Structures are given as C-alpha cells and as structure tokens.
Protein backbone atom coordinates (compact mmCIF):
# COMPACT_ATOMS: atom_id res chain seq x y z
CA MET A 1 -1.60 13.41 3.05
CA LYS A 2 -4.51 11.06 2.73
CA ILE A 3 -4.46 8.77 -0.34
CA LYS A 4 -6.84 5.92 -1.13
CA ILE A 5 -4.74 2.87 -2.21
CA GLN A 6 -7.43 0.14 -2.63
CA ASP A 7 -10.21 -1.61 -0.83
CA GLY A 8 -10.45 0.85 2.00
CA TYR A 9 -6.76 0.98 2.48
CA TYR A 10 -5.32 4.52 2.72
CA LEU A 11 -1.79 5.99 2.99
CA ARG A 12 -1.67 8.84 5.33
CA SER A 13 1.11 10.78 6.87
CA THR A 14 2.12 12.77 9.76
CA LYS A 15 4.85 15.32 10.17
CA TYR A 16 7.24 12.40 10.79
CA GLN A 17 6.00 9.11 9.20
CA PHE A 18 3.75 7.34 6.76
CA VAL A 19 0.81 5.51 8.19
CA LEU A 20 -0.90 2.58 6.51
CA SER A 21 -4.53 2.82 7.63
CA LYS A 22 -7.88 1.00 6.89
CA LEU A 23 -11.16 2.96 6.64
CA VAL A 24 -13.42 1.43 9.26
CA GLY A 25 -16.54 3.72 9.04
CA THR A 26 -17.80 7.18 9.74
CA ASP A 27 -18.71 9.07 12.87
CA GLU A 28 -21.96 10.82 13.58
CA LYS A 29 -20.62 13.91 11.77
CA GLY A 30 -19.86 11.86 8.60
CA GLU A 31 -16.04 12.09 9.34
CA ALA A 32 -13.99 9.05 8.32
CA ILE A 33 -12.81 6.87 11.00
CA PHE A 34 -9.35 4.98 10.22
CA LYS A 35 -7.76 2.16 11.99
CA ASP A 36 -3.88 2.41 11.77
CA ILE A 37 -2.33 -0.77 10.68
CA SER A 38 1.38 0.26 10.60
CA TYR A 39 3.80 3.18 10.72
CA HIS A 40 6.67 3.71 8.36
CA PRO A 41 9.86 5.91 7.88
CA ASN A 42 9.27 6.06 4.03
CA LEU A 43 6.87 5.53 1.23
CA GLU A 44 8.44 2.17 0.00
CA SER A 45 8.13 0.52 3.48
CA ALA A 46 4.45 1.73 3.71
CA LEU A 47 3.63 0.16 0.35
CA GLU A 48 5.45 -3.01 1.17
CA ALA A 49 3.43 -3.31 4.26
CA PHE A 50 0.23 -2.84 2.33
CA GLY A 51 1.27 -5.71 -0.09
CA LYS A 52 1.99 -8.02 2.87
CA HIS A 53 -1.26 -7.01 4.66
CA LYS A 54 -3.24 -7.81 1.57
CA LEU A 55 -1.39 -11.09 1.14
CA LEU A 56 -1.96 -12.27 4.74
CA ALA A 57 -5.61 -11.38 4.35
CA SER A 58 -6.00 -13.54 1.23
CA ASP A 59 -8.62 -16.21 1.29
CA ALA A 60 -6.80 -18.38 -1.21
CA GLU A 61 -7.28 -22.17 -0.77
CA THR A 62 -4.92 -23.29 -3.54
CA PHE A 63 -1.54 -22.26 -4.63
CA ASN A 64 -2.90 -21.14 -8.04
CA ALA A 65 -5.38 -18.85 -6.21
CA LEU A 66 -2.42 -17.56 -4.01
CA LYS A 67 -0.47 -16.90 -7.26
CA ASN A 68 -3.35 -14.97 -8.58
CA ASP A 69 -3.48 -12.94 -5.42
CA ILE A 70 0.10 -12.15 -5.49
CA GLU A 71 -0.01 -11.15 -9.06
CA ALA A 72 -2.95 -8.81 -8.37
CA ILE A 73 -1.08 -7.23 -5.42
CA ASN A 74 2.13 -6.83 -7.37
CA ASN A 75 0.01 -5.15 -10.21
CA THR A 76 -1.37 -2.69 -7.86
CA LEU A 77 2.07 -1.98 -6.38
CA ASN A 78 3.48 -1.59 -9.91
CA LEU A 79 0.76 1.04 -10.77
CA ILE A 80 1.53 3.04 -7.78
CA ALA A 81 5.28 2.79 -8.33
CA GLU A 82 4.84 4.09 -11.92
CA SER A 83 2.41 6.98 -10.88
CA VAL A 84 5.03 8.29 -8.34
CA LYS A 85 8.13 7.90 -10.44
CA LEU A 86 9.88 11.24 -10.55
CA GLU A 87 11.98 12.42 -13.42
CA GLU A 88 15.00 14.36 -12.03
CA THR A 89 14.48 14.55 -8.32
CA LYS A 90 14.25 11.20 -6.52
CA PRO A 91 13.94 11.74 -2.74
CA TYR A 92 12.48 8.24 -2.14
CA LYS A 93 13.82 4.89 -2.86
CA MET A 94 10.34 3.97 -4.19
CA ALA A 95 10.83 6.40 -7.19
CA THR A 96 14.21 4.65 -8.15
CA LYS A 97 13.28 0.97 -7.72
CA SER A 98 11.54 -1.01 -10.20
CA ARG A 99 8.82 -3.28 -8.83
CA LYS A 100 8.32 -5.20 -11.87
CA ASN A 101 8.12 -8.94 -11.52
CA ARG A 102 9.11 -8.42 -7.79
CA CYS A 103 7.41 -10.88 -5.35
CA ILE A 104 6.13 -9.13 -2.24
CA MET A 105 6.87 -12.04 0.19
C-alpha cells in the first residue's frame, strides 16, 4: 500500500505495520524516495502521528493561527476517516471512531 495523504506525506505499509513517510525526491531512475517518519501497528495510530507531525511543523505565530492549523489538520483527518468507514466489517478502530471535533493534541 502507498497512499498519498497530503503535502508529500504518504501512508505506506509493510507486511507487519503501517509507515508514515514523506516524499523527499526521486532517484536517477525516477523512482520515489521516501523518508520514513514513524511506524505504527494500526491505521489510527499512523493517522494520529500524521496529525501530530503536521501540527509540530506548523509555522503559527499566534494562537489564532494555531487554531486554524489544528482545524485544517482535523478536517483532513475527518475526510480520511469518512473515506475509510466500513459498513459491516470494521477491522480497525479507525472505522468505528468518530473524529469529529476531536483535537489532535
């Protein structure tokens, strides 16, 4: 699996884990080069790490700007949560939890 989240961030997977990665460039063959940021046992943990990483990278200089960044991050996470919501089978916590109005801090 290799899914683009936003702004060069990707959710990738191995046989055993989810990997939050950032696209850092391409090699001489044009193949993508990723820098792994963190490793996670489940989808929810990986997406929470994405939110935290985006928040820590914020360039906000006021609390209002920080609030706007948090809202933007939460909106992204809400869209992802809605897109992976499953009807009957719910193998991941992510599919059963509502992220609406949930602060990522």
